[in-house]
Amino acid sequence: MADLLLLVVLMYSFHEIKAQASLPPELMVNPPAITETDSVTLSCQTPSSVSVPQCDFYIASQKLSKGSSCVQTLTGTELLKTAHKSLPAAVEVRCSYTVQIDTFKHTSPDSEPSTININNLRPPKLTVNPQKITETDSVTVNCQTPSSVPVSQCYFIISGDKTARTAPCLRTLTGSEFLSWTRQRSPVTLEMTCYYTYIYKSPVSNMSPITIQTPRPKLRVNPRMVTETDSVTVNCQTPSSVNVSECFLYFMRRRKSTSISCQQTLTGTELLSMAQQSSPAEFEVTCLYMSQHIGGQYQSPHSNKYSISIQSK
């Protein structure tokens, strides 16, 4: 009777092991495209309900190692050697895991294969100039590929967008056009990378940030030459698409700004006081505005410059 009970327990344990190991793992490779000297990380992701003491990785029918960790890092050279291939090559890797309860072991089904492209392509160099623009300004994006590779089209990856954008490797576009790629609104800071294909996909370039600001205001001053007792109309014209909370008049020499109404009439004496000067005086001013956005207040770029001359009576 005791022998029968032991057999039942053993059979139950065996079936429990098989049930736990019936789900295949998911193999993640990062990055999926490398050169001979680059490294790739293989991660055999097992079900969270299973305690896994070991994972095994396979290229074709050959096991990379026995009783290994579920995360391994290998160079392109090591993968080529194991696969008995030369450049360029596409190497398929699979993984499985083993669970154990008491003296029983059971190996899971293999994962779906993941392909690692190994080539001698060098990563491109990405330049973005300038890195801070408004919606109406232009930015030049240059995905510089190796001179030995005849490539005219590149692929751009922008943060927050899973789809790579195909475009000429050298391209000039406005901030508005750039925003249309990402379906976002200014102000926003985005990160961009790029890659190219030549038989295989190249490694990804360096990351370059780009900030797209709200449109700059337009400053109008009328008249531009007055006496201390005359009046001057200062108009900081803000874009209609932006919810403006406050305008500022910025004095270039002082490098300080003073809060004003977006359209305000001031006397020459008031302007002299703001500029901390006495007549006769001439100074340059710009204006800017504050707008409310998610996360707080946002300061606009400066407007065009205006020179104001204030004469004595």
C-alpha atoms as a PDB file:
ATOM      1  CA  MET A   1       0.000   0.000   0.000  1.00  0.00           C
ATOM      2  CA  ALA A   2       2.829   2.383   0.914  1.00  0.00           C
ATOM      3  CA  ASP A   3       4.590   1.565  -2.380  1.00  0.00           C
ATOM      4  CA  LEU A   4       1.406   2.395  -4.287  1.00  0.00           C
ATOM      5  CA  LEU A   5       1.039   5.715  -2.455  1.00  0.00           C
ATOM      6  CA  LEU A   6       4.668   6.564  -3.241  1.00  0.00           C
ATOM      7  CA  LEU A   7       4.087   5.763  -6.900  1.00  0.00           C
ATOM      8  CA  VAL A   8       1.028   8.019  -6.979  1.00  0.00           C
ATOM      9  CA  VAL A   9       3.016  10.861  -5.393  1.00  0.00           C
ATOM     10  CA  LEU A  10       5.860  10.404  -7.851  1.00  0.00           C
ATOM     11  CA  MET A  11       3.486  10.348 -10.826  1.00  0.00           C
ATOM     12  CA  TYR A  12       1.752  13.496  -9.536  1.00  0.00           C
ATOM     13  CA  SER A  13       5.084  15.261  -9.124  1.00  0.00           C
ATOM     14  CA  PHE A  14       6.133  14.283 -12.635  1.00  0.00           C
ATOM     15  CA  HIS A  15       2.891  15.579 -14.144  1.00  0.00           C
ATOM     16  CA  GLU A  16       3.231  18.780 -12.103  1.00  0.00           C
ATOM     17  CA  ILE A  17       6.712  19.321 -13.534  1.00  0.00           C
ATOM     18  CA  LYS A  18       5.471  18.723 -17.087  1.00  0.00           C
ATOM     19  CA  ALA A  19       2.599  21.172 -16.570  1.00  0.00           C
ATOM     20  CA  GLN A  20       4.956  23.869 -15.274  1.00  0.00           C
ATOM     21  CA  ALA A  21       7.388  23.396 -18.161  1.00  0.00           C
ATOM     22  CA  SER A  22       4.766  23.176 -20.924  1.00  0.00           C
ATOM     23  CA  LEU A  23       5.004  26.881 -21.800  1.00  0.00           C
ATOM     24  CA  PRO A  24       7.835  27.873 -24.156  1.00  0.00           C
ATOM     25  CA  PRO A  25      10.090  30.795 -23.164  1.00  0.00           C
ATOM     26  CA  GLU A  26      10.461  34.011 -25.141  1.00  0.00           C
ATOM     27  CA  LEU A  27      13.917  34.812 -26.466  1.00  0.00           C
ATOM     28  CA  MET A  28      14.941  38.468 -26.590  1.00  0.00           C
ATOM     29  CA  VAL A  29      18.090  39.628 -28.397  1.00  0.00           C
ATOM     30  CA  ASN A  30      19.512  43.118 -27.970  1.00  0.00           C
ATOM     31  CA  PRO A  31      20.605  44.534 -30.329  1.00  0.00           C
ATOM     32  CA  PRO A  32      19.426  42.395 -33.262  1.00  0.00           C
ATOM     33  CA  ALA A  33      22.123  43.756 -35.608  1.00  0.00           C
ATOM     34  CA  ILE A  34      25.821  43.788 -34.673  1.00  0.00           C
ATOM     35  CA  THR A  35      29.309  43.692 -36.118  1.00  0.00           C
ATOM     36  CA  GLU A  36      31.968  41.061 -35.358  1.00  0.00           C
ATOM     37  CA  THR A  37      33.341  43.003 -32.406  1.00  0.00           C
ATOM     38  CA  ASP A  38      29.999  44.112 -30.980  1.00  0.00           C
ATOM     39  CA  SER A  39      28.174  42.171 -28.274  1.00  0.00           C
ATOM     40  CA  VAL A  40      24.608  40.936 -28.167  1.00  0.00           C
ATOM     41  CA  THR A  41      22.661  40.016 -25.032  1.00  0.00           C
ATOM     42  CA  LEU A  42      20.487  36.884 -25.172  1.00  0.00           C
ATOM     43  CA  SER A  43      17.699  36.785 -22.595  1.00  0.00           C
ATOM     44  CA  CYS A  44      15.597  33.631 -22.255  1.00  0.00           C
ATOM     45  CA  GLN A  45      12.459  34.940 -20.576  1.00  0.00           C
ATOM     46  CA  THR A  46      10.655  32.166 -18.712  1.00  0.00           C
ATOM     47  CA  PRO A  47       7.094  32.132 -17.296  1.00  0.00           C
ATOM     48  CA  SER A  48       6.901  33.993 -13.980  1.00  0.00           C
ATOM     49  CA  SER A  49       5.173  31.024 -12.297  1.00  0.00           C
ATOM     50  CA  VAL A  50       8.183  28.762 -12.881  1.00  0.00           C
ATOM     51  CA  SER A  51      11.378  28.611 -10.822  1.00  0.00           C
ATOM     52  CA  VAL A  52      14.109  27.999 -13.398  1.00  0.00           C
ATOM     53  CA  PRO A  53      17.598  26.876 -12.357  1.00  0.00           C
ATOM     54  CA  GLN A  54      19.044  26.811 -15.885  1.00  0.00           C
ATOM     55  CA  CYS A  55      18.497  27.815 -19.499  1.00  0.00           C
ATOM     56  CA  ASP A  56      20.073  26.518 -22.691  1.00  0.00           C
ATOM     57  CA  PHE A  57      20.719  28.397 -25.919  1.00  0.00           C
ATOM     58  CA  TYR A  58      20.927  26.738 -29.349  1.00  0.00           C
ATOM     59  CA  ILE A  59      22.271  27.695 -32.750  1.00  0.00           C
ATOM     60  CA  ALA A  60      20.779  25.177 -35.178  1.00  0.00           C
ATOM     61  CA  SER A  61      21.090  21.908 -33.215  1.00  0.00           C
ATOM     62  CA  GLN A  62      24.228  22.923 -31.350  1.00  0.00           C
ATOM     63  CA  LYS A  63      23.940  23.927 -27.715  1.00  0.00           C
ATOM     64  CA  LEU A  64      25.928  27.006 -26.806  1.00  0.00           C
ATOM     65  CA  SER A  65      26.530  25.907 -23.217  1.00  0.00           C
ATOM     66  CA  LYS A  66      25.194  23.528 -20.628  1.00  0.00           C
ATOM     67  CA  GLY A  67      23.457  24.633 -17.458  1.00  0.00           C
ATOM     68  CA  SER A  68      23.940  28.295 -18.297  1.00  0.00           C
ATOM     69  CA  SER A  69      22.330  31.424 -16.920  1.00  0.00           C
ATOM     70  CA  CYS A  70      19.144  32.602 -18.629  1.00  0.00           C
ATOM     71  CA  VAL A  71      21.014  35.740 -19.752  1.00  0.00           C
ATOM     72  CA  GLN A  72      24.150  35.507 -21.870  1.00  0.00           C
ATOM     73  CA  THR A  73      26.276  38.069 -23.663  1.00  0.00           C
ATOM     74  CA  LEU A  74      28.225  37.006 -26.747  1.00  0.00           C
ATOM     75  CA  THR A  75      30.260  38.782 -29.397  1.00  0.00           C
ATOM     76  CA  GLY A  76      29.565  38.558 -33.099  1.00  0.00           C
ATOM     77  CA  THR A  77      32.813  36.609 -33.510  1.00  0.00           C
ATOM     78  CA  GLU A  78      31.685  33.978 -30.980  1.00  0.00           C
ATOM     79  CA  LEU A  79      28.322  33.578 -32.712  1.00  0.00           C
ATOM     80  CA  LEU A  80      29.953  33.230 -36.162  1.00  0.00           C
ATOM     81  CA  LYS A  81      32.353  30.611 -34.823  1.00  0.00           C
ATOM     82  CA  THR A  82      29.569  28.563 -33.248  1.00  0.00           C
ATOM     83  CA  ALA A  83      27.388  28.811 -36.367  1.00  0.00           C
ATOM     84  CA  HIS A  84      30.365  28.032 -38.664  1.00  0.00           C
ATOM     85  CA  LYS A  85      29.532  31.079 -40.783  1.00  0.00           C
ATOM     86  CA  SER A  86      31.415  34.034 -42.215  1.00  0.00           C
ATOM     87  CA  LEU A  87      30.408  37.646 -42.774  1.00  0.00           C
ATOM     88  CA  PRO A  88      27.769  38.702 -43.516  1.00  0.00           C
ATOM     89  CA  ALA A  89      25.520  36.210 -41.736  1.00  0.00           C
ATOM     90  CA  ALA A  90      22.107  35.806 -40.178  1.00  0.00           C
ATOM     91  CA  VAL A  91      22.294  33.559 -37.116  1.00  0.00           C
ATOM     92  CA  GLU A  92      19.145  32.043 -35.628  1.00  0.00           C
ATOM     93  CA  VAL A  93      19.139  31.417 -31.881  1.00  0.00           C
ATOM     94  CA  ARG A  94      16.610  29.496 -29.755  1.00  0.00           C
ATOM     95  CA  CYS A  95      16.413  28.786 -26.049  1.00  0.00           C
ATOM     96  CA  SER A  96      14.725  26.442 -23.592  1.00  0.00           C
ATOM     97  CA  TYR A  97      14.652  26.041 -19.822  1.00  0.00           C
ATOM     98  CA  THR A  98      14.649  23.167 -17.373  1.00  0.00           C
ATOM     99  CA  VAL A  99      12.577  22.834 -14.207  1.00  0.00           C
ATOM    100  CA  GLN A 100      13.174  20.372 -11.401  1.00  0.00           C
ATOM    101  CA  ILE A 101      11.041  19.087  -8.532  1.00  0.00           C
ATOM    102  CA  ASP A 102      12.712  16.599  -6.242  1.00  0.00           C
ATOM    103  CA  THR A 103      14.588  14.225  -8.555  1.00  0.00           C
ATOM    104  CA  PHE A 104      12.522  14.941 -11.682  1.00  0.00           C
ATOM    105  CA  LYS A 105      13.666  17.215 -14.511  1.00  0.00           C
ATOM    106  CA  HIS A 106      11.724  18.381 -17.520  1.00  0.00           C
ATOM    107  CA  THR A 107      12.789  20.617 -20.404  1.00  0.00           C
ATOM    108  CA  SER A 108      10.415  23.160 -21.921  1.00  0.00           C
ATOM    109  CA  PRO A 109       9.617  23.475 -25.624  1.00  0.00           C
ATOM    110  CA  ASP A 110      12.004  25.693 -27.558  1.00  0.00           C
ATOM    111  CA  SER A 111      11.297  29.373 -27.942  1.00  0.00           C
ATOM    112  CA  GLU A 112      10.525  30.913 -31.294  1.00  0.00           C
ATOM    113  CA  PRO A 113      13.835  31.572 -33.091  1.00  0.00           C
ATOM    114  CA  SER A 114      15.333  35.057 -32.997  1.00  0.00           C
ATOM    115  CA  THR A 115      17.633  36.221 -35.773  1.00  0.00           C
ATOM    116  CA  ILE A 116      20.858  38.124 -35.141  1.00  0.00           C
ATOM    117  CA  ASN A 117      22.324  39.864 -38.178  1.00  0.00           C
ATOM    118  CA  ILE A 118      26.117  40.003 -38.065  1.00  0.00           C
ATOM    119  CA  ASN A 119      27.858  42.140 -40.652  1.00  0.00           C
ATOM    120  CA  ASN A 120      30.753  44.491 -41.139  1.00  0.00           C
ATOM    121  CA  LEU A 121      28.521  47.552 -41.388  1.00  0.00           C
ATOM    122  CA  ARG A 122      29.514  50.405 -39.109  1.00  0.00           C
ATOM    123  CA  PRO A 123      26.874  52.490 -37.319  1.00  0.00           C
ATOM    124  CA  PRO A 124      26.037  55.841 -38.910  1.00  0.00           C
ATOM    125  CA  LYS A 125      26.668  59.159 -37.164  1.00  0.00           C
ATOM    126  CA  LEU A 126      23.606  61.316 -36.581  1.00  0.00           C
ATOM    127  CA  THR A 127      23.824  65.116 -36.456  1.00  0.00           C
ATOM    128  CA  VAL A 128      20.889  67.455 -35.834  1.00  0.00           C
ATOM    129  CA  ASN A 129      21.532  71.167 -36.449  1.00  0.00           C
ATOM    130  CA  PRO A 130      20.328  73.212 -34.699  1.00  0.00           C
ATOM    131  CA  GLN A 131      19.086  71.144 -31.772  1.00  0.00           C
ATOM    132  CA  LYS A 132      16.601  73.796 -30.611  1.00  0.00           C
ATOM    133  CA  ILE A 133      14.071  75.309 -33.060  1.00  0.00           C
ATOM    134  CA  THR A 134      10.555  76.698 -33.265  1.00  0.00           C
ATOM    135  CA  GLU A 135       7.784  75.295 -35.456  1.00  0.00           C
ATOM    136  CA  THR A 136       8.658  77.685 -38.294  1.00  0.00           C
ATOM    137  CA  ASP A 137      12.430  77.256 -38.100  1.00  0.00           C
ATOM    138  CA  SER A 138      14.313  74.666 -40.135  1.00  0.00           C
ATOM    139  CA  VAL A 139      16.499  71.826 -38.878  1.00  0.00           C
ATOM    140  CA  THR A 140      18.983  69.746 -40.868  1.00  0.00           C
ATOM    141  CA  VAL A 141      19.051  66.049 -40.008  1.00  0.00           C
ATOM    142  CA  ASN A 142      22.066  64.135 -41.319  1.00  0.00           C
ATOM    143  CA  CYS A 143      22.426  60.372 -40.889  1.00  0.00           C
ATOM    144  CA  GLN A 144      26.055  60.095 -42.006  1.00  0.00           C
ATOM    145  CA  THR A 145      26.705  56.615 -43.404  1.00  0.00           C
ATOM    146  CA  PRO A 146      30.162  55.145 -44.138  1.00  0.00           C
ATOM    147  CA  SER A 147      31.555  56.371 -47.475  1.00  0.00           C
ATOM    148  CA  SER A 148      32.072  52.773 -48.588  1.00  0.00           C
ATOM    149  CA  VAL A 149      28.334  52.051 -48.458  1.00  0.00           C
ATOM    150  CA  PRO A 150      26.166  53.308 -51.366  1.00  0.00           C
ATOM    151  CA  VAL A 151      23.066  54.359 -49.404  1.00  0.00           C
ATOM    152  CA  SER A 152      20.620  57.174 -50.212  1.00  0.00           C
ATOM    153  CA  GLN A 153      17.716  56.305 -47.898  1.00  0.00           C
ATOM    154  CA  CYS A 154      17.963  56.047 -44.110  1.00  0.00           C
ATOM    155  CA  TYR A 155      15.611  55.118 -41.305  1.00  0.00           C
ATOM    156  CA  PHE A 156      14.941  57.533 -38.441  1.00  0.00           C
ATOM    157  CA  ILE A 157      13.628  56.449 -35.047  1.00  0.00           C
ATOM    158  CA  ILE A 158      12.041  59.156 -32.888  1.00  0.00           C
ATOM    159  CA  SER A 159      11.273  58.667 -29.204  1.00  0.00           C
ATOM    160  CA  GLY A 160       7.654  57.794 -28.566  1.00  0.00           C
ATOM    161  CA  ASP A 161       7.192  56.415 -32.091  1.00  0.00           C
ATOM    162  CA  LYS A 162       7.693  52.700 -32.743  1.00  0.00           C
ATOM    163  CA  THR A 163       7.721  53.130 -36.526  1.00  0.00           C
ATOM    164  CA  ALA A 164      10.983  54.056 -38.236  1.00  0.00           C
ATOM    165  CA  ARG A 165      10.585  56.883 -40.758  1.00  0.00           C
ATOM    166  CA  THR A 166      12.170  56.404 -44.182  1.00  0.00           C
ATOM    167  CA  ALA A 167      13.751  59.562 -45.610  1.00  0.00           C
ATOM    168  CA  PRO A 168      16.861  60.783 -47.434  1.00  0.00           C
ATOM    169  CA  CYS A 169      19.890  60.466 -45.170  1.00  0.00           C
ATOM    170  CA  LEU A 170      20.389  64.242 -45.406  1.00  0.00           C
ATOM    171  CA  ARG A 171      17.208  66.225 -45.021  1.00  0.00           C
ATOM    172  CA  THR A 172      16.110  69.726 -44.028  1.00  0.00           C
ATOM    173  CA  LEU A 173      12.620  70.163 -42.620  1.00  0.00           C
ATOM    174  CA  THR A 174      10.696  72.646 -40.491  1.00  0.00           C
ATOM    175  CA  GLY A 175       9.720  72.157 -36.891  1.00  0.00           C
ATOM    176  CA  SER A 176       6.099  71.712 -38.013  1.00  0.00           C
ATOM    177  CA  GLU A 177       7.077  68.961 -40.453  1.00  0.00           C
ATOM    178  CA  PHE A 178       9.136  67.293 -37.741  1.00  0.00           C
ATOM    179  CA  LEU A 179       6.143  67.401 -35.369  1.00  0.00           C
ATOM    180  CA  SER A 180       3.928  65.837 -38.061  1.00  0.00           C
ATOM    181  CA  TRP A 181       6.287  62.827 -38.025  1.00  0.00           C
ATOM    182  CA  THR A 182       5.690  62.329 -34.327  1.00  0.00           C
ATOM    183  CA  ARG A 183       2.086  63.543 -34.055  1.00  0.00           C
ATOM    184  CA  GLN A 184       3.062  65.715 -31.099  1.00  0.00           C
ATOM    185  CA  ARG A 185       2.721  69.383 -30.274  1.00  0.00           C
ATOM    186  CA  SER A 186       5.260  71.953 -29.199  1.00  0.00           C
ATOM    187  CA  PRO A 187       6.912  72.516 -26.847  1.00  0.00           C
ATOM    188  CA  VAL A 188       8.514  69.080 -26.817  1.00  0.00           C
ATOM    189  CA  THR A 189      11.969  67.533 -26.575  1.00  0.00           C
ATOM    190  CA  LEU A 190      12.483  64.366 -28.608  1.00  0.00           C
ATOM    191  CA  GLU A 191      15.343  61.910 -29.010  1.00  0.00           C
ATOM    192  CA  MET A 192      16.337  60.622 -32.442  1.00  0.00           C
ATOM    193  CA  THR A 193      18.523  57.823 -33.778  1.00  0.00           C
ATOM    194  CA  CYS A 194      18.978  56.426 -37.285  1.00  0.00           C
ATOM    195  CA  TYR A 195      20.200  53.396 -39.198  1.00  0.00           C
ATOM    196  CA  TYR A 196      20.578  52.252 -42.807  1.00  0.00           C
ATOM    197  CA  THR A 197      20.305  48.971 -44.668  1.00  0.00           C
ATOM    198  CA  TYR A 198      22.810  47.428 -47.047  1.00  0.00           C
ATOM    199  CA  ILE A 199      21.838  43.780 -47.448  1.00  0.00           C
ATOM    200  CA  TYR A 200      21.511  43.821 -43.655  1.00  0.00           C
ATOM    201  CA  LYS A 201      20.382  46.390 -41.140  1.00  0.00           C
ATOM    202  CA  SER A 202      23.208  48.495 -39.714  1.00  0.00           C
ATOM    203  CA  PRO A 203      23.712  49.118 -36.002  1.00  0.00           C
ATOM    204  CA  VAL A 204      21.831  52.148 -34.660  1.00  0.00           C
ATOM    205  CA  SER A 205      23.547  55.544 -34.564  1.00  0.00           C
ATOM    206  CA  ASN A 206      24.205  57.772 -31.586  1.00  0.00           C
ATOM    207  CA  MET A 207      21.206  59.495 -30.009  1.00  0.00           C
ATOM    208  CA  SER A 208      20.633  63.195 -30.686  1.00  0.00           C
ATOM    209  CA  PRO A 209      18.001  65.326 -28.897  1.00  0.00           C
ATOM    210  CA  ILE A 210      15.910  67.992 -30.608  1.00  0.00           C
ATOM    211  CA  THR A 211      13.704  70.566 -28.875  1.00  0.00           C
ATOM    212  CA  ILE A 212      10.819  72.183 -30.737  1.00  0.00           C
ATOM    213  CA  GLN A 213       9.579  75.346 -29.077  1.00  0.00           C
ATOM    214  CA  THR A 214       6.319  77.236 -29.504  1.00  0.00           C
ATOM    215  CA  PRO A 215       6.396  80.002 -32.158  1.00  0.00           C
ATOM    216  CA  ARG A 216       8.341  83.131 -31.238  1.00  0.00           C
ATOM    217  CA  PRO A 217       6.357  86.358 -30.776  1.00  0.00           C
ATOM    218  CA  LYS A 218       6.651  89.447 -33.013  1.00  0.00           C
ATOM    219  CA  LEU A 219       7.546  92.756 -31.397  1.00  0.00           C
ATOM    220  CA  ARG A 220       6.232  96.093 -32.695  1.00  0.00           C
ATOM    221  CA  VAL A 221       7.258  99.426 -31.156  1.00  0.00           C
ATOM    222  CA  ASN A 222       5.647 102.683 -32.313  1.00  0.00           C
ATOM    223  CA  PRO A 223       7.154 105.231 -32.428  1.00  0.00           C
ATOM    224  CA  ARG A 224      10.760 104.177 -31.992  1.00  0.00           C
ATOM    225  CA  MET A 225      12.052 107.676 -31.157  1.00  0.00           C
ATOM    226  CA  VAL A 226      10.370 109.717 -28.400  1.00  0.00           C
ATOM    227  CA  THR A 227      11.011 112.184 -25.589  1.00  0.00           C
ATOM    228  CA  GLU A 228      10.536 111.379 -21.911  1.00  0.00           C
ATOM    229  CA  THR A 229       6.955 112.677 -21.901  1.00  0.00           C
ATOM    230  CA  ASP A 230       5.900 111.019 -25.174  1.00  0.00           C
ATOM    231  CA  SER A 231       4.097 107.693 -25.263  1.00  0.00           C
ATOM    232  CA  VAL A 232       5.272 104.462 -26.923  1.00  0.00           C
ATOM    233  CA  THR A 233       3.029 101.542 -27.848  1.00  0.00           C
ATOM    234  CA  VAL A 234       4.737  98.188 -27.260  1.00  0.00           C
ATOM    235  CA  ASN A 235       2.953  95.251 -28.885  1.00  0.00           C
ATOM    236  CA  CYS A 236       4.248  91.707 -28.245  1.00  0.00           C
ATOM    237  CA  GLN A 237       2.219  89.813 -30.811  1.00  0.00           C
ATOM    238  CA  THR A 238       1.742  86.205 -29.643  1.00  0.00           C
ATOM    239  CA  PRO A 239       0.520  83.259 -31.772  1.00  0.00           C
ATOM    240  CA  SER A 240      -3.240  82.708 -31.674  1.00  0.00           C
ATOM    241  CA  SER A 241      -2.732  78.955 -31.203  1.00  0.00           C
ATOM    242  CA  VAL A 242      -1.033  79.426 -27.808  1.00  0.00           C
ATOM    243  CA  ASN A 243      -2.725  80.151 -24.483  1.00  0.00           C
ATOM    244  CA  VAL A 244      -0.570  83.049 -23.257  1.00  0.00           C
ATOM    245  CA  SER A 245      -0.529  83.841 -19.546  1.00  0.00           C
ATOM    246  CA  GLU A 246       1.959  86.734 -19.454  1.00  0.00           C
ATOM    247  CA  CYS A 247       4.264  88.845 -21.645  1.00  0.00           C
ATOM    248  CA  PHE A 248       7.686  90.306 -20.830  1.00  0.00           C
ATOM    249  CA  LEU A 249       9.791  93.101 -22.300  1.00  0.00           C
ATOM    250  CA  TYR A 250      13.461  92.070 -22.323  1.00  0.00           C
ATOM    251  CA  PHE A 251      16.234  94.669 -22.191  1.00  0.00           C
ATOM    252  CA  MET A 252      19.296  93.351 -24.017  1.00  0.00           C
ATOM    253  CA  ARG A 253      21.943  95.381 -22.142  1.00  0.00           C
ATOM    254  CA  ARG A 254      20.533  94.572 -18.696  1.00  0.00           C
ATOM    255  CA  ARG A 255      19.738  90.979 -19.664  1.00  0.00           C
ATOM    256  CA  LYS A 256      16.617  91.283 -17.581  1.00  0.00           C
ATOM    257  CA  SER A 257      12.921  91.200 -18.382  1.00  0.00           C
ATOM    258  CA  THR A 258       9.982  93.196 -17.040  1.00  0.00           C
ATOM    259  CA  SER A 259       6.401  91.973 -16.992  1.00  0.00           C
ATOM    260  CA  ILE A 260       4.058  93.994 -19.195  1.00  0.00           C
ATOM    261  CA  SER A 261       0.718  93.575 -20.908  1.00  0.00           C
ATOM    262  CA  CYS A 262       1.160  91.980 -24.315  1.00  0.00           C
ATOM    263  CA  GLN A 263       0.046  95.314 -25.755  1.00  0.00           C
ATOM    264  CA  GLN A 264       0.835  98.316 -23.559  1.00  0.00           C
ATOM    265  CA  THR A 265       1.402 102.043 -23.870  1.00  0.00           C
ATOM    266  CA  LEU A 266       4.355 103.408 -21.900  1.00  0.00           C
ATOM    267  CA  THR A 267       5.905 106.852 -21.548  1.00  0.00           C
ATOM    268  CA  GLY A 268       9.542 107.510 -22.325  1.00  0.00           C
ATOM    269  CA  THR A 269      10.119 108.048 -18.597  1.00  0.00           C
ATOM    270  CA  GLU A 270       8.657 104.601 -17.757  1.00  0.00           C
ATOM    271  CA  LEU A 271      10.862 102.933 -20.348  1.00  0.00           C
ATOM    272  CA  LEU A 272      13.937 104.705 -18.969  1.00  0.00           C
ATOM    273  CA  SER A 273      13.052 103.461 -15.486  1.00  0.00           C
ATOM    274  CA  MET A 274      12.685  99.883 -16.752  1.00  0.00           C
ATOM    275  CA  ALA A 275      16.003 100.138 -18.614  1.00  0.00           C
ATOM    276  CA  GLN A 276      17.670 101.817 -15.621  1.00  0.00           C
ATOM    277  CA  GLN A 277      19.011 104.573 -17.871  1.00  0.00           C
ATOM    278  CA  SER A 278      18.650 108.333 -18.198  1.00  0.00           C
ATOM    279  CA  SER A 279      17.999 110.388 -21.304  1.00  0.00           C
ATOM    280  CA  PRO A 280      19.287 110.673 -23.870  1.00  0.00           C
ATOM    281  CA  ALA A 281      19.428 106.900 -24.256  1.00  0.00           C
ATOM    282  CA  GLU A 282      19.114 104.182 -26.872  1.00  0.00           C
ATOM    283  CA  PHE A 283      18.575 100.528 -26.032  1.00  0.00           C
ATOM    284  CA  GLU A 284      17.523  97.294 -27.708  1.00  0.00           C
ATOM    285  CA  VAL A 285      14.543  95.268 -26.539  1.00  0.00           C
ATOM    286  CA  THR A 286      12.868  91.978 -27.379  1.00  0.00           C
ATOM    287  CA  CYS A 287       9.772  90.367 -25.924  1.00  0.00           C
ATOM    288  CA  LEU A 288       8.723  86.892 -24.868  1.00  0.00           C
ATOM    289  CA  TYR A 289       5.665  85.236 -23.384  1.00  0.00           C
ATOM    290  CA  MET A 290       4.782  82.541 -20.861  1.00  0.00           C
ATOM    291  CA  SER A 291       2.245  79.852 -21.677  1.00  0.00           C
ATOM    292  CA  GLN A 292       0.673  77.086 -19.652  1.00  0.00           C
ATOM    293  CA  HIS A 293       1.493  73.500 -20.611  1.00  0.00           C
ATOM    294  CA  ILE A 294       1.408  70.110 -18.990  1.00  0.00           C
ATOM    295  CA  GLY A 295       4.047  70.185 -16.290  1.00  0.00           C
ATOM    296  CA  GLY A 296       3.940  73.946 -15.682  1.00  0.00           C
ATOM    297  CA  GLN A 297       4.791  77.277 -17.297  1.00  0.00           C
ATOM    298  CA  TYR A 298       6.755  77.424 -20.534  1.00  0.00           C
ATOM    299  CA  GLN A 299       8.866  80.356 -21.757  1.00  0.00           C
ATOM    300  CA  SER A 300       8.764  81.193 -25.455  1.00  0.00           C
ATOM    301  CA  PRO A 301      11.794  82.068 -27.581  1.00  0.00           C
ATOM    302  CA  HIS A 302      12.669  85.775 -27.835  1.00  0.00           C
ATOM    303  CA  SER A 303      11.074  87.935 -30.507  1.00  0.00           C
ATOM    304  CA  ASN A 304      12.846  90.109 -33.057  1.00  0.00           C
ATOM    305  CA  LYS A 305      14.885  93.051 -31.715  1.00  0.00           C
ATOM    306  CA  TYR A 306      13.741  96.662 -31.640  1.00  0.00           C
ATOM    307  CA  SER A 307      15.881  99.725 -30.926  1.00  0.00           C
ATOM    308  CA  ILE A 308      14.205 102.506 -28.920  1.00  0.00           C
ATOM    309  CA  SER A 309      15.662 106.044 -28.712  1.00  0.00           C
ATOM    310  CA  ILE A 310      14.564 108.410 -25.946  1.00  0.00           C
ATOM    311  CA  GLN A 311      15.639 112.027 -26.168  1.00  0.00           C
ATOM    312  CA  SER A 312      15.669 114.781 -23.558  1.00  0.00           C
ATOM    313  CA  LYS A 313      12.932 117.395 -23.704  1.00  0.00           C
END
